[in-house]
Amino acid sequence: MLHTLIKHDLKALQAFVAIVECQGISAAQERLNMSQSTISTHLAHLEESLGVSLCQRGRSGFALTKAGHQLYDACTLLLHAAAEFHRDVQNIKWHRSVLSGTLRLALAEALPEALNQALSRVIETAYRRYPALRLSFDGGAAEHIETAVANNQADVGLAYFAQPQKNLHYQTVFNARQNVYCHPDHPARQAENLSPVSLAEDYVWVKRGFVHDGHLSGIRPSQFTATAHTAAGARLCVLAGSHIGFLAEDDAAAAVAQGRLHALLPQQATYLLPYSTVTRATPDPRVNWFVGQLGAALLG
C-alpha cells in the first residue's frame, strides 16, 4: 500500500484531505481552486490504485469508509512531514539576512488602530532594511483571506478568523477589547440594577454579522432588529440611539470622548477579540520575518 501511495503526487492526497475536511467534492472546489471533475479524477485514481472505496457519496450525504478514515489519518501525517521538509529546504534556499521578491499581504478592511500602527512600523523597517523586497496589499472578509492564502494568492493574512481551517497555520498577535455601547440618551444608561442578563433581555440590539459576539462574550441578546456586516454599520445603529451593541473599544473611543457614546457595564459586558495572522504550513523566510516583526512591533 505504501509503495502505491508513493506513486501519487501530493496534489492528489491534498485533494483527498480537502474533500474530507470540506465534507464533499463540490465544497472542496473553492479551497483547492480546482474544478469538480479534476477533484473527482484525483479521488477516483486514489480509489482505483488502492483497490478500496474511500467515501460514500449520494443523497444521504458524505461519509468516509473505514479505509477512508485510515487514509485521511495517514495523509495528515504525510502532509505535515512534507510541510516540515519544505520549510527546511526553504531555509536552506533562502538566506535569512537577504529578503527579496514580493510578499503578498491580505488584511481585514477594519483593523484595530494598534495593529495598523504596528503594521506601519513593520513596513517602514522592511523597506529600510531590504530594498529588494516588495509588498503587495489586498483585503476582504476573513473567509476570503483564508481562501487566498490557501490557494497561494496571498502569503500572509491578518484578521479575526471565526472558524480556522485545519490546513492553515494561525498565530494570534493582538486582542482587541470589545464593549457594549449605547447613545447617552438611551434608557439603558439610566437603568437601575443593570446586569448582563437585563442587557440581553430588555433592550434592542444590533447584531454584528462578522463576529460571534454571543459565543465570545457569553451575552446572548433576545432582541435583534438590525444586522451589520461592517463595523461602521454597527456603530451607526448605536449612535442613532435605536440600538445597543458591541463595538471595538478603540473604534468607539473618539465618540466616547465627545460624549456621543457610553459604555455599558464595561467591567462585565466585555471580551477580547483575537486577531491572528494566517499562513500556509510552509511559509518562506519572508513570511517568518514579517510575522516575527509584527509581533515585536506590537510588544514594543
Protein backbone atom coordinates (compact mmCIF):
# COMPACT_ATOMS: atom_id res chain seq x y z
CA MET A 1 0.00 0.00 0.00
CA LEU A 2 2.83 2.39 0.89
CA HIS A 3 4.54 1.71 -2.45
CA THR A 4 1.29 2.52 -4.22
CA LEU A 5 0.78 5.76 -2.32
CA ILE A 6 4.32 6.94 -3.02
CA LYS A 7 3.39 6.99 -6.70
CA HIS A 8 0.76 9.67 -6.06
CA ASP A 9 1.81 13.28 -6.03
CA LEU A 10 0.91 15.45 -3.07
CA LYS A 11 -1.83 17.22 -5.04
CA ALA A 12 -4.00 14.10 -5.14
CA LEU A 13 -3.54 13.49 -1.43
CA GLN A 14 -4.17 17.16 -0.65
CA ALA A 15 -7.33 16.94 -2.73
CA PHE A 16 -8.49 13.96 -0.67
CA VAL A 17 -7.80 15.82 2.59
CA ALA A 18 -9.77 18.81 1.33
CA ILE A 19 -12.69 16.57 0.32
CA VAL A 20 -12.79 15.11 3.83
CA GLU A 21 -12.47 18.42 5.68
CA CYS A 22 -14.99 20.19 3.41
CA GLN A 23 -17.35 17.19 3.54
CA GLY A 24 -17.67 16.72 -0.19
CA ILE A 25 -16.19 17.28 -3.64
CA SER A 26 -18.21 20.36 -4.57
CA ALA A 27 -17.47 22.02 -1.22
CA ALA A 28 -13.72 21.45 -1.74
CA GLN A 29 -13.59 23.31 -5.05
CA GLU A 30 -13.01 26.76 -3.59
CA ARG A 31 -10.29 25.66 -1.19
CA LEU A 32 -8.41 23.74 -3.87
CA ASN A 33 -9.16 26.13 -6.73
CA MET A 34 -9.86 23.07 -8.89
CA SER A 35 -12.85 22.04 -10.97
CA GLN A 36 -15.16 19.36 -9.64
CA SER A 37 -14.15 17.00 -12.43
CA THR A 38 -10.44 17.37 -11.59
CA ILE A 39 -11.09 16.64 -7.91
CA SER A 40 -13.24 13.64 -8.83
CA THR A 41 -10.44 12.34 -11.05
CA HIS A 42 -7.95 12.57 -8.16
CA LEU A 43 -10.33 10.69 -5.88
CA ALA A 44 -11.13 8.00 -8.44
CA HIS A 45 -7.42 7.48 -9.17
CA LEU A 46 -6.69 7.00 -5.46
CA GLU A 47 -9.53 4.52 -5.06
CA GLU A 48 -8.50 2.59 -8.17
CA SER A 49 -4.85 2.42 -7.14
CA LEU A 50 -5.63 1.30 -3.61
CA GLY A 51 -8.44 -1.02 -4.63
CA VAL A 52 -10.80 0.31 -1.96
CA SER A 53 -13.67 2.74 -1.67
CA LEU A 54 -12.67 5.80 0.34
CA CYS A 55 -16.01 7.52 0.80
CA GLN A 56 -19.72 7.21 0.22
CA ARG A 57 -21.39 9.94 -1.80
CA GLY A 58 -25.05 10.32 -2.58
CA ARG A 59 -28.37 11.66 -1.36
CA SER A 60 -27.65 10.52 2.17
CA GLY A 61 -24.61 12.82 2.26
CA PHE A 62 -20.85 12.39 2.50
CA ALA A 63 -19.24 9.77 4.74
CA LEU A 64 -15.82 8.16 4.91
CA THR A 65 -15.38 4.41 4.79
CA LYS A 66 -13.04 2.67 7.21
CA ALA A 67 -10.31 2.79 4.56
CA GLY A 68 -11.06 6.46 4.02
CA HIS A 69 -10.54 7.22 7.69
CA GLN A 70 -7.23 5.32 7.62
CA LEU A 71 -6.03 7.16 4.54
CA TYR A 72 -7.05 10.55 5.98
CA ASP A 73 -5.03 9.90 9.14
CA ALA A 74 -2.05 8.78 7.05
CA CYS A 75 -2.36 11.84 4.78
CA THR A 76 -2.39 14.17 7.76
CA LEU A 77 0.91 12.73 8.97
CA LEU A 78 2.41 12.71 5.48
CA LEU A 79 1.44 16.30 4.64
CA HIS A 80 2.72 17.54 7.98
CA ALA A 81 6.05 15.83 7.34
CA ALA A 82 6.13 17.25 3.80
CA ALA A 83 5.47 20.73 5.20
CA GLU A 84 8.36 20.38 7.63
CA PHE A 85 10.61 19.13 4.83
CA HIS A 86 9.61 22.05 2.61
CA ARG A 87 10.26 24.50 5.44
CA ASP A 88 13.77 23.10 5.95
CA VAL A 89 14.51 23.27 2.23
CA GLN A 90 13.27 26.85 2.07
CA ASN A 91 15.51 27.83 4.95
CA ILE A 92 18.45 26.37 3.05
CA LYS A 93 17.41 28.06 -0.20
CA TRP A 94 16.79 31.49 1.28
CA HIS A 95 19.45 33.36 3.18
CA ARG A 96 17.64 34.91 6.10
CA SER A 97 19.63 38.14 6.02
CA VAL A 98 18.63 38.98 2.43
CA LEU A 99 14.92 39.19 1.66
CA SER A 100 13.70 39.94 -1.85
CA GLY A 101 10.80 39.28 -4.16
CA THR A 102 7.16 40.11 -3.39
CA LEU A 103 5.41 39.41 -0.10
CA ARG A 104 1.63 39.38 -0.62
CA LEU A 105 -0.44 40.61 2.31
CA ALA A 106 -4.20 40.21 2.73
CA LEU A 107 -5.60 42.39 5.51
CA ALA A 108 -9.03 42.80 7.04
CA GLU A 109 -10.60 46.08 5.97
CA ALA A 110 -11.08 47.37 9.53
CA LEU A 111 -8.15 46.59 11.83
CA PRO A 112 -7.63 47.95 15.36
CA GLU A 113 -5.53 51.12 15.46
CA ALA A 114 -2.78 49.40 17.45
CA LEU A 115 -2.44 46.81 14.68
CA ASN A 116 -2.35 49.49 11.99
CA GLN A 117 0.41 51.32 13.84
CA ALA A 118 2.43 48.14 14.25
CA LEU A 119 1.98 47.30 10.56
CA SER A 120 3.24 50.77 9.63
CA ARG A 121 6.42 50.20 11.65
CA VAL A 122 6.99 46.79 10.05
CA ILE A 123 6.52 48.24 6.55
CA GLU A 124 8.99 51.04 7.29
CA THR A 125 11.53 48.51 8.59
CA ALA A 126 11.05 46.23 5.59
CA TYR A 127 11.82 48.89 3.02
CA ARG A 128 14.69 50.35 5.04
CA ARG A 129 16.46 47.02 5.59
CA TYR A 130 15.58 45.16 2.41
CA PRO A 131 15.45 47.40 -0.67
CA ALA A 132 14.84 44.37 -2.92
CA LEU A 133 11.70 43.34 -1.01
CA ARG A 134 8.31 44.33 -2.44
CA LEU A 135 4.96 44.30 -0.66
CA SER A 136 1.52 43.96 -2.22
CA PHE A 137 -1.74 44.51 -0.35
CA ASP A 138 -5.20 43.05 -0.72
CA GLY A 139 -8.15 42.72 1.64
CA GLY A 140 -11.64 41.41 2.18
CA ALA A 141 -13.66 39.27 4.54
CA ALA A 142 -11.84 36.77 6.76
CA GLU A 143 -13.02 33.73 4.78
CA HIS A 144 -11.79 35.31 1.53
CA ILE A 145 -8.41 35.99 3.13
CA GLU A 146 -8.14 32.35 4.23
CA THR A 147 -9.02 31.16 0.73
CA ALA A 148 -6.42 33.47 -0.82
CA VAL A 149 -3.70 32.13 1.49
CA ALA A 150 -4.75 28.51 0.97
CA ASN A 151 -4.73 28.96 -2.82
CA ASN A 152 -1.31 30.67 -2.85
CA GLN A 153 -2.81 34.01 -3.87
CA ALA A 154 -1.56 35.64 -0.66
CA ASP A 155 1.30 34.84 1.71
CA VAL A 156 0.11 36.38 4.98
CA GLY A 157 -3.41 37.18 6.09
CA LEU A 158 -4.42 39.25 9.10
CA ALA A 159 -7.95 39.34 10.54
CA TYR A 160 -10.28 37.85 13.13
CA PHE A 161 -10.93 34.27 11.99
CA ALA A 162 -14.06 32.71 13.46
CA GLN A 163 -13.53 29.19 12.10
CA PRO A 164 -9.85 28.39 11.46
CA GLN A 165 -9.11 25.89 8.70
CA LYS A 166 -7.09 22.79 9.53
CA ASN A 167 -4.72 23.16 6.58
CA LEU A 168 -3.55 26.67 7.56
CA HIS A 169 -1.37 28.00 10.36
CA TYR A 170 -2.75 30.69 12.72
CA GLN A 171 -0.94 32.84 15.24
CA THR A 172 -2.79 35.27 17.49
CA VAL A 173 -0.95 38.60 17.53
CA PHE A 174 -3.41 41.02 19.13
CA ASN A 175 -6.54 41.00 21.30
CA ALA A 176 -8.95 43.90 20.77
CA ARG A 177 -11.25 44.89 23.64
CA GLN A 178 -14.97 44.82 22.75
CA ASN A 179 -17.56 46.61 24.92
CA VAL A 180 -21.31 47.20 24.81
CA TYR A 181 -22.20 50.80 23.93
CA CYS A 182 -25.30 52.97 23.76
CA HIS A 183 -26.26 56.55 22.94
CA PRO A 184 -26.03 58.84 26.01
CA ASP A 185 -29.83 59.29 25.94
CA HIS A 186 -30.58 55.57 25.67
CA PRO A 187 -32.75 54.15 28.51
CA ALA A 188 -30.10 51.54 29.34
CA ARG A 189 -27.77 54.25 30.61
CA GLN A 190 -30.26 55.34 33.26
CA ALA A 191 -31.43 51.83 34.18
CA GLU A 192 -31.15 50.73 37.80
CA ASN A 193 -29.63 47.37 38.69
CA LEU A 194 -28.32 46.90 35.16
CA SER A 195 -26.75 43.48 34.58
CA PRO A 196 -25.54 41.41 31.62
CA VAL A 197 -28.80 39.46 31.80
CA SER A 198 -31.00 42.57 31.69
CA LEU A 199 -28.88 43.97 28.86
CA ALA A 200 -29.52 40.83 26.84
CA GLU A 201 -33.23 40.56 27.61
CA ASP A 202 -34.58 44.11 27.94
CA TYR A 203 -33.07 46.05 25.04
CA VAL A 204 -32.92 46.01 21.26
CA TRP A 205 -29.51 45.12 19.81
CA VAL A 206 -27.65 45.45 16.56
CA LYS A 207 -26.02 42.16 15.60
CA ARG A 208 -22.55 42.18 14.10
CA GLY A 209 -22.61 39.66 11.28
CA PHE A 210 -18.82 39.37 11.10
CA VAL A 211 -18.16 38.46 14.77
CA HIS A 212 -19.62 35.77 17.03
CA ASP A 213 -20.21 38.20 19.91
CA GLY A 214 -22.56 35.88 21.82
CA HIS A 215 -20.17 32.94 21.76
CA LEU A 216 -17.16 35.02 22.77
CA SER A 217 -18.85 37.19 25.42
CA GLY A 218 -21.45 34.84 26.89
CA ILE A 219 -24.09 37.55 26.37
CA ARG A 220 -26.85 36.35 24.03
CA PRO A 221 -29.41 39.09 23.31
CA SER A 222 -33.01 38.08 22.66
CA GLN A 223 -33.93 41.11 20.51
CA PHE A 224 -32.03 41.77 17.28
CA THR A 225 -33.67 44.18 14.83
CA ALA A 226 -30.59 45.16 12.83
CA THR A 227 -27.63 43.25 11.41
CA ALA A 228 -24.39 44.99 10.45
CA HIS A 229 -21.75 43.31 8.32
CA THR A 230 -19.28 46.13 8.87
CA ALA A 231 -18.02 47.88 11.99
CA ALA A 232 -19.25 51.20 10.57
CA GLY A 233 -22.79 49.85 10.24
CA ALA A 234 -22.88 48.66 13.85
CA ARG A 235 -21.53 52.00 15.06
CA LEU A 236 -24.21 53.91 13.12
CA CYS A 237 -27.02 51.93 14.75
CA VAL A 238 -25.64 52.59 18.24
CA LEU A 239 -25.00 56.28 17.51
CA ALA A 240 -28.59 56.59 16.29
CA GLY A 241 -29.83 55.68 19.76
CA SER A 242 -32.09 52.94 18.42
CA HIS A 243 -29.86 50.03 19.44
CA ILE A 244 -27.18 48.92 21.82
CA GLY A 245 -24.38 46.64 20.69
CA PHE A 246 -20.78 45.53 20.85
CA LEU A 247 -18.17 47.84 19.34
CA ALA A 248 -14.38 47.77 19.41
CA GLU A 249 -13.11 49.94 22.25
CA ASP A 250 -10.63 51.85 20.11
CA ASP A 251 -13.25 52.32 17.36
CA ALA A 252 -15.63 53.90 19.89
CA ALA A 253 -13.02 55.91 21.79
CA ALA A 254 -13.42 59.18 19.86
CA ALA A 255 -17.22 59.16 20.15
CA VAL A 256 -16.96 58.34 23.87
CA ALA A 257 -14.59 61.29 24.38
CA GLN A 258 -17.05 63.54 22.53
CA GLY A 259 -19.94 62.34 24.70
CA ARG A 260 -21.71 60.64 21.77
CA LEU A 261 -21.36 57.06 23.08
CA HIS A 262 -21.46 55.48 26.51
CA ALA A 263 -20.05 52.10 27.56
CA LEU A 264 -22.47 49.85 29.46
CA LEU A 265 -21.08 47.61 32.21
CA PRO A 266 -17.50 47.92 30.91
CA GLN A 267 -16.21 45.57 33.62
CA GLN A 268 -18.76 42.84 32.87
CA ALA A 269 -20.11 43.21 29.33
CA THR A 270 -16.74 42.95 27.66
CA TYR A 271 -14.41 40.47 25.98
CA LEU A 272 -11.22 40.29 23.90
CA LEU A 273 -11.47 39.64 20.16
CA PRO A 274 -8.38 37.78 18.86
CA TYR A 275 -6.71 38.96 15.65
CA SER A 276 -4.39 36.43 14.03
CA THR A 277 -2.02 36.02 11.14
CA VAL A 278 -2.77 33.14 8.81
CA THR A 279 -0.16 31.49 6.62
CA ARG A 280 0.31 28.25 4.77
CA ALA A 281 2.02 25.46 6.68
CA THR A 282 5.18 26.02 4.63
CA PRO A 283 5.87 29.78 4.70
CA ASP A 284 9.15 31.10 3.31
CA PRO A 285 11.56 33.20 5.40
CA ARG A 286 9.91 36.45 4.22
CA VAL A 287 6.71 35.33 5.93
CA ASN A 288 8.54 34.23 9.08
CA TRP A 289 10.34 37.59 9.21
CA PHE A 290 7.17 39.62 8.68
CA VAL A 291 5.13 37.76 11.34
CA GLY A 292 8.03 37.99 13.81
CA GLN A 293 8.47 41.70 13.19
CA LEU A 294 4.74 42.31 13.63
CA GLY A 295 4.77 40.55 17.00
CA ALA A 296 7.82 42.56 18.10
CA ALA A 297 6.22 45.84 16.97
CA LEU A 298 3.08 45.08 19.00
CA LEU A 299 5.13 44.26 22.10
CA GLY A 300 7.14 47.47 21.63
